[in-house]
Structure formats: structure tokens, C-alpha cells
Amino acid sequence: MFIETAYAMGAPGDAGAQGAGGGAGLVMMLAIFAIFYFLLIRPQQKRMKEHKKMVEDIKKGDRIVTAGGIYGTIENVSPNTLTVKIAEGTKVKVTRSSVGAVVKEGEEKE
């Protein structure tokens, strides 16, 4: 039992090294947070802002693709929903947030 305790105590010089590591640990934590912010959080916020602007700018006649992959043309616009014509005689109502992209002329591939 005494030998186990002796191993757990460590060398006397370790106590000074732990005190100096506190400031370095804080600097490392701040550096890691900065890396996460610039590589993950900031780009995601930028994409969300661009998507919100795209959804707000949708107007009647725009060609869109939904998040589910359905292509269609906007027939009617209301504050929360869009009526999308996906085929002759077929219209669906979708939420604005389900719009994946606005398709420009020539981008759509059959």
C-alpha cells in the first residue's frame, strides 16, 4: 500500500510546472475557439444569411429546386408558403424554407 502511494505522489519538481501551464492552457483554449469560429461557425452563418436572402427575393415566375430535389416554377407567393407548378396541371404548396436553390436559365439538366 505504501508503494502505490509513493508512485502516485510524483516528483517534487512537478508542482512548479503545473503553475506555469495554466496560462498556456488558456491561450490554447482561445486558439482552438478561434479556429472553430473561423472554420466552422462563421462560414455556416454566411451560408444561412445567403439562403435567407435568396428565399426573401423569390418572386412569381422564378424556377426553383426544393430541398427534396423537385424542380418547379413559382405560381403564387405568400408570406410563409409558395405555390409551385411542377408539371402541367400539378401544383404543390411548399414552405419558403424548403427552397434549395433558384435555378437560372441553362443550369437545369434533364
N, C-alpha and C. Protein backbone atom coordinates (compact mmCIF):
# COMPACT_ATOMS: atom_id res chain seq x y z
N MET A 1 0.81 -1.18 0.00
CA MET A 1 0.00 0.00 0.00
C MET A 1 0.87 1.26 0.00
N PHE A 2 1.95 1.27 0.70
CA PHE A 2 2.83 2.43 0.73
C PHE A 2 3.48 2.68 -0.63
N ILE A 3 3.82 1.63 -1.34
CA ILE A 3 4.47 1.79 -2.63
C ILE A 3 3.51 2.42 -3.64
N GLU A 4 2.25 2.04 -3.63
CA GLU A 4 1.28 2.64 -4.53
C GLU A 4 1.15 4.14 -4.26
N THR A 5 1.16 4.52 -3.00
CA THR A 5 1.06 5.92 -2.64
C THR A 5 2.30 6.68 -3.08
N ALA A 6 3.45 6.06 -2.98
CA ALA A 6 4.70 6.72 -3.37
C ALA A 6 4.71 6.99 -4.88
N TYR A 7 4.20 6.08 -5.67
CA TYR A 7 4.16 6.31 -7.11
C TYR A 7 3.17 7.43 -7.46
N ALA A 8 2.08 7.50 -6.73
CA ALA A 8 1.06 8.50 -7.02
C ALA A 8 1.51 9.91 -6.67
N MET A 9 2.44 10.05 -5.76
CA MET A 9 2.87 11.37 -5.32
C MET A 9 3.62 12.12 -6.42
N GLY A 10 4.40 11.48 -7.21
CA GLY A 10 5.14 12.14 -8.27
C GLY A 10 6.40 12.81 -7.77
N ALA A 11 7.14 13.41 -8.67
CA ALA A 11 8.40 14.06 -8.32
C ALA A 11 8.12 15.46 -7.78
N PRO A 12 9.00 15.96 -6.87
CA PRO A 12 8.76 17.27 -6.29
C PRO A 12 8.84 18.41 -7.31
N GLY A 13 9.52 18.25 -8.42
CA GLY A 13 9.65 19.31 -9.41
C GLY A 13 8.39 19.52 -10.24
N ASP A 14 7.42 18.61 -10.19
CA ASP A 14 6.20 18.72 -10.99
C ASP A 14 5.30 19.87 -10.56
N ALA A 15 5.31 20.26 -9.32
CA ALA A 15 4.40 21.29 -8.82
C ALA A 15 4.67 22.63 -9.50
N GLY A 16 5.90 22.97 -9.74
CA GLY A 16 6.23 24.24 -10.41
C GLY A 16 5.80 24.24 -11.85
N ALA A 17 5.86 23.13 -12.53
CA ALA A 17 5.49 23.05 -13.94
C ALA A 17 3.98 23.21 -14.13
N GLN A 18 3.19 22.74 -13.17
CA GLN A 18 1.75 22.86 -13.29
C GLN A 18 1.30 24.31 -13.18
N GLY A 19 1.92 25.10 -12.37
CA GLY A 19 1.56 26.50 -12.22
C GLY A 19 1.81 27.28 -13.50
N ALA A 20 2.86 27.01 -14.23
CA ALA A 20 3.18 27.72 -15.46
C ALA A 20 2.27 27.30 -16.60
N GLY A 21 1.70 26.11 -16.55
CA GLY A 21 0.86 25.61 -17.64
C GLY A 21 -0.53 26.21 -17.66
N GLY A 22 -0.96 26.86 -16.62
CA GLY A 22 -2.31 27.43 -16.57
C GLY A 22 -2.53 28.50 -17.61
N GLY A 23 -1.59 29.40 -17.77
CA GLY A 23 -1.71 30.46 -18.77
C GLY A 23 -1.62 29.92 -20.18
N ALA A 24 -0.75 28.95 -20.37
CA ALA A 24 -0.61 28.34 -21.69
C ALA A 24 -1.87 27.57 -22.07
N GLY A 25 -2.50 26.94 -21.09
CA GLY A 25 -3.75 26.22 -21.35
C GLY A 25 -4.86 27.16 -21.78
N LEU A 26 -4.92 28.33 -21.16
CA LEU A 26 -5.93 29.32 -21.53
C LEU A 26 -5.70 29.82 -22.95
N VAL A 27 -4.46 30.06 -23.30
CA VAL A 27 -4.12 30.52 -24.65
C VAL A 27 -4.50 29.45 -25.67
N MET A 28 -4.25 28.20 -25.35
CA MET A 28 -4.60 27.10 -26.27
C MET A 28 -6.12 27.00 -26.45
N MET A 29 -6.87 27.16 -25.36
CA MET A 29 -8.33 27.11 -25.45
C MET A 29 -8.86 28.24 -26.33
N LEU A 30 -8.30 29.43 -26.18
CA LEU A 30 -8.71 30.56 -27.02
C LEU A 30 -8.35 30.32 -28.49
N ALA A 31 -7.18 29.74 -28.72
CA ALA A 31 -6.76 29.44 -30.10
C ALA A 31 -7.69 28.41 -30.73
N ILE A 32 -8.07 27.40 -29.99
CA ILE A 32 -8.99 26.37 -30.51
C ILE A 32 -10.35 26.99 -30.82
N PHE A 33 -10.85 27.85 -29.93
CA PHE A 33 -12.12 28.51 -30.18
C PHE A 33 -12.04 29.37 -31.43
N ALA A 34 -10.95 30.10 -31.60
CA ALA A 34 -10.79 30.95 -32.79
C ALA A 34 -10.78 30.11 -34.06
N ILE A 35 -10.11 28.98 -34.03
CA ILE A 35 -10.07 28.09 -35.20
C ILE A 35 -11.48 27.59 -35.52
N PHE A 36 -12.21 27.13 -34.50
CA PHE A 36 -13.58 26.67 -34.73
C PHE A 36 -14.46 27.79 -35.27
N TYR A 37 -14.29 28.99 -34.76
CA TYR A 37 -15.12 30.11 -35.21
C TYR A 37 -14.87 30.40 -36.68
N PHE A 38 -13.62 30.52 -37.08
CA PHE A 38 -13.32 30.91 -38.46
C PHE A 38 -13.48 29.78 -39.46
N LEU A 39 -13.37 28.53 -39.04
CA LEU A 39 -13.50 27.42 -39.98
C LEU A 39 -14.90 26.79 -40.01
N LEU A 40 -15.66 26.90 -38.92
CA LEU A 40 -16.96 26.24 -38.88
C LEU A 40 -18.13 27.20 -38.67
N ILE A 41 -18.08 28.00 -37.64
CA ILE A 41 -19.23 28.82 -37.26
C ILE A 41 -19.47 29.95 -38.26
N ARG A 42 -18.46 30.72 -38.58
CA ARG A 42 -18.60 31.88 -39.47
C ARG A 42 -19.08 31.49 -40.88
N PRO A 43 -18.48 30.47 -41.52
CA PRO A 43 -18.98 30.08 -42.86
C PRO A 43 -20.43 29.61 -42.83
N GLN A 44 -20.83 28.90 -41.76
CA GLN A 44 -22.21 28.43 -41.66
C GLN A 44 -23.16 29.61 -41.53
N GLN A 45 -22.80 30.62 -40.74
CA GLN A 45 -23.64 31.81 -40.60
C GLN A 45 -23.76 32.53 -41.94
N LYS A 46 -22.67 32.57 -42.71
CA LYS A 46 -22.69 33.23 -44.01
C LYS A 46 -23.63 32.50 -44.97
N ARG A 47 -23.57 31.15 -44.98
CA ARG A 47 -24.47 30.37 -45.84
C ARG A 47 -25.93 30.58 -45.45
N MET A 48 -26.21 30.62 -44.14
CA MET A 48 -27.57 30.83 -43.68
C MET A 48 -28.09 32.21 -44.10
N LYS A 49 -27.23 33.22 -44.01
CA LYS A 49 -27.60 34.57 -44.40
C LYS A 49 -27.90 34.64 -45.89
N GLU A 50 -27.07 33.99 -46.73
CA GLU A 50 -27.29 33.97 -48.17
C GLU A 50 -28.59 33.25 -48.53
N HIS A 51 -28.87 32.13 -47.84
CA HIS A 51 -30.09 31.36 -48.10
C HIS A 51 -31.32 32.19 -47.73
N LYS A 52 -31.25 32.88 -46.60
CA LYS A 52 -32.37 33.72 -46.16
C LYS A 52 -32.65 34.81 -47.19
N LYS A 53 -31.60 35.44 -47.70
CA LYS A 53 -31.76 36.50 -48.70
C LYS A 53 -32.36 35.92 -49.99
N MET A 54 -31.89 34.74 -50.40
CA MET A 54 -32.41 34.10 -51.61
C MET A 54 -33.90 33.81 -51.46
N VAL A 55 -34.30 33.28 -50.31
CA VAL A 55 -35.70 32.94 -50.08
C VAL A 55 -36.56 34.20 -50.05
N GLU A 56 -36.04 35.28 -49.47
CA GLU A 56 -36.81 36.54 -49.43
C GLU A 56 -36.97 37.15 -50.82
N ASP A 57 -36.02 36.92 -51.71
CA ASP A 57 -36.04 37.53 -53.05
C ASP A 57 -36.82 36.72 -54.08
N ILE A 58 -37.40 35.60 -53.70
CA ILE A 58 -38.15 34.76 -54.64
C ILE A 58 -39.41 35.50 -55.09
N LYS A 59 -39.68 35.42 -56.39
CA LYS A 59 -40.86 36.08 -56.94
C LYS A 59 -41.57 35.13 -57.91
N LYS A 60 -42.76 35.49 -58.29
CA LYS A 60 -43.56 34.68 -59.20
C LYS A 60 -42.81 34.51 -60.53
N GLY A 61 -42.80 33.29 -61.05
CA GLY A 61 -42.14 33.00 -62.31
C GLY A 61 -40.72 32.46 -62.16
N ASP A 62 -40.14 32.56 -60.94
CA ASP A 62 -38.80 32.01 -60.72
C ASP A 62 -38.83 30.49 -60.81
N ARG A 63 -37.78 29.94 -61.34
CA ARG A 63 -37.61 28.48 -61.43
C ARG A 63 -36.79 28.07 -60.22
N ILE A 64 -37.29 27.10 -59.43
CA ILE A 64 -36.60 26.70 -58.20
C ILE A 64 -36.42 25.18 -58.16
N VAL A 65 -35.59 24.75 -57.25
CA VAL A 65 -35.49 23.34 -56.89
C VAL A 65 -35.63 23.28 -55.37
N THR A 66 -36.49 22.39 -54.89
CA THR A 66 -36.71 22.28 -53.45
C THR A 66 -35.59 21.47 -52.81
N ALA A 67 -35.57 21.48 -51.48
CA ALA A 67 -34.57 20.70 -50.74
C ALA A 67 -34.75 19.20 -51.03
N GLY A 68 -35.95 18.79 -51.43
CA GLY A 68 -36.20 17.40 -51.76
C GLY A 68 -35.85 17.04 -53.20
N GLY A 69 -35.43 18.05 -53.99
CA GLY A 69 -34.99 17.79 -55.35
C GLY A 69 -36.06 17.96 -56.42
N ILE A 70 -37.18 18.57 -56.09
CA ILE A 70 -38.26 18.76 -57.05
C ILE A 70 -38.08 20.11 -57.74
N TYR A 71 -38.05 20.09 -59.08
CA TYR A 71 -37.96 21.32 -59.87
C TYR A 71 -39.36 21.85 -60.12
N GLY A 72 -39.49 23.17 -60.14
CA GLY A 72 -40.79 23.76 -60.42
C GLY A 72 -40.68 25.25 -60.66
N THR A 73 -41.82 25.84 -61.01
CA THR A 73 -41.90 27.28 -61.27
C THR A 73 -42.87 27.88 -60.26
N ILE A 74 -42.50 29.01 -59.69
CA ILE A 74 -43.33 29.67 -58.69
C ILE A 74 -44.58 30.23 -59.36
N GLU A 75 -45.75 29.85 -58.86
CA GLU A 75 -47.03 30.34 -59.38
C GLU A 75 -47.63 31.40 -58.47
N ASN A 76 -47.44 31.25 -57.15
CA ASN A 76 -48.02 32.19 -56.20
C ASN A 76 -47.08 32.31 -55.00
N VAL A 77 -46.95 33.54 -54.48
CA VAL A 77 -46.07 33.79 -53.35
C VAL A 77 -46.90 34.36 -52.20
N SER A 78 -46.76 33.76 -51.03
CA SER A 78 -47.38 34.30 -49.81
C SER A 78 -46.29 34.42 -48.75
N PRO A 79 -46.57 35.04 -47.62
CA PRO A 79 -45.51 35.27 -46.63
C PRO A 79 -44.76 34.02 -46.17
N ASN A 80 -45.46 32.91 -45.99
CA ASN A 80 -44.81 31.70 -45.47
C ASN A 80 -44.73 30.54 -46.46
N THR A 81 -45.55 30.59 -47.50
CA THR A 81 -45.59 29.46 -48.43
C THR A 81 -45.47 29.92 -49.88
N LEU A 82 -45.17 28.96 -50.73
CA LEU A 82 -45.09 29.19 -52.17
C LEU A 82 -45.93 28.12 -52.86
N THR A 83 -46.62 28.51 -53.92
CA THR A 83 -47.31 27.53 -54.75
C THR A 83 -46.40 27.29 -55.96
N VAL A 84 -46.02 26.03 -56.15
CA VAL A 84 -45.04 25.67 -57.18
C VAL A 84 -45.70 24.75 -58.20
N LYS A 85 -45.58 25.12 -59.46
CA LYS A 85 -46.09 24.28 -60.55
C LYS A 85 -44.95 23.33 -60.93
N ILE A 86 -45.19 22.02 -60.73
CA ILE A 86 -44.13 21.04 -61.02
C ILE A 86 -44.39 20.28 -62.31
N ALA A 87 -45.62 20.32 -62.80
CA ALA A 87 -45.98 19.69 -64.08
C ALA A 87 -47.27 20.34 -64.56
N GLU A 88 -47.64 20.08 -65.79
CA GLU A 88 -48.87 20.65 -66.34
C GLU A 88 -50.05 20.15 -65.51
N GLY A 89 -50.77 21.08 -64.88
CA GLY A 89 -51.94 20.73 -64.07
C GLY A 89 -51.59 20.26 -62.67
N THR A 90 -50.33 20.30 -62.27
CA THR A 90 -49.92 19.84 -60.94
C THR A 90 -49.21 20.96 -60.20
N LYS A 91 -49.83 21.38 -59.10
CA LYS A 91 -49.24 22.42 -58.26
C LYS A 91 -49.12 21.90 -56.84
N VAL A 92 -48.04 22.29 -56.17
CA VAL A 92 -47.85 21.92 -54.78
C VAL A 92 -47.57 23.17 -53.97
N LYS A 93 -47.92 23.12 -52.71
CA LYS A 93 -47.65 24.24 -51.82
C LYS A 93 -46.49 23.81 -50.91
N VAL A 94 -45.44 24.64 -50.86
CA VAL A 94 -44.25 24.34 -50.05
C VAL A 94 -43.93 25.53 -49.17
N THR A 95 -43.24 25.28 -48.08
CA THR A 95 -42.79 26.38 -47.23
C THR A 95 -41.60 27.06 -47.90
N ARG A 96 -41.41 28.32 -47.60
CA ARG A 96 -40.29 29.07 -48.19
C ARG A 96 -38.94 28.45 -47.82
N SER A 97 -38.84 27.94 -46.60
CA SER A 97 -37.56 27.40 -46.14
C SER A 97 -37.17 26.11 -46.86
N SER A 98 -38.11 25.47 -47.55
CA SER A 98 -37.79 24.23 -48.24
C SER A 98 -37.19 24.47 -49.63
N VAL A 99 -37.04 25.72 -50.03
CA VAL A 99 -36.42 26.03 -51.32
C VAL A 99 -34.92 25.81 -51.19
N GLY A 100 -34.38 24.95 -52.04
CA GLY A 100 -32.95 24.67 -52.01
C GLY A 100 -32.14 25.66 -52.81
N ALA A 101 -32.65 26.05 -53.99
CA ALA A 101 -31.92 26.97 -54.86
C ALA A 101 -32.86 27.54 -55.91
N VAL A 102 -32.50 28.70 -56.40
CA VAL A 102 -33.18 29.29 -57.55
C VAL A 102 -32.37 28.89 -58.77
N VAL A 103 -33.04 28.26 -59.75
CA VAL A 103 -32.36 27.76 -60.93
C VAL A 103 -32.34 28.84 -62.00
N LYS A 104 -31.17 29.10 -62.52
CA LYS A 104 -31.03 30.10 -63.58
C LYS A 104 -31.18 29.41 -64.94
N GLU A 105 -31.42 30.19 -65.97
CA GLU A 105 -31.58 29.64 -67.32
C GLU A 105 -30.34 28.84 -67.72
N GLY A 106 -30.56 27.66 -68.25
CA GLY A 106 -29.47 26.82 -68.74
C GLY A 106 -28.79 25.97 -67.69
N GLU A 107 -29.10 26.15 -66.41
CA GLU A 107 -28.47 25.35 -65.37
C GLU A 107 -29.13 24.00 -65.18
N GLU A 108 -30.42 23.92 -65.48
CA GLU A 108 -31.17 22.71 -65.27
C GLU A 108 -30.80 21.65 -66.30
N LYS A 109 -30.49 20.45 -65.83
CA LYS A 109 -30.15 19.34 -66.73
C LYS A 109 -31.25 18.31 -66.69
N GLU A 110 -31.70 17.91 -67.83
CA GLU A 110 -32.77 16.91 -67.92
C GLU A 110 -32.22 15.52 -67.77
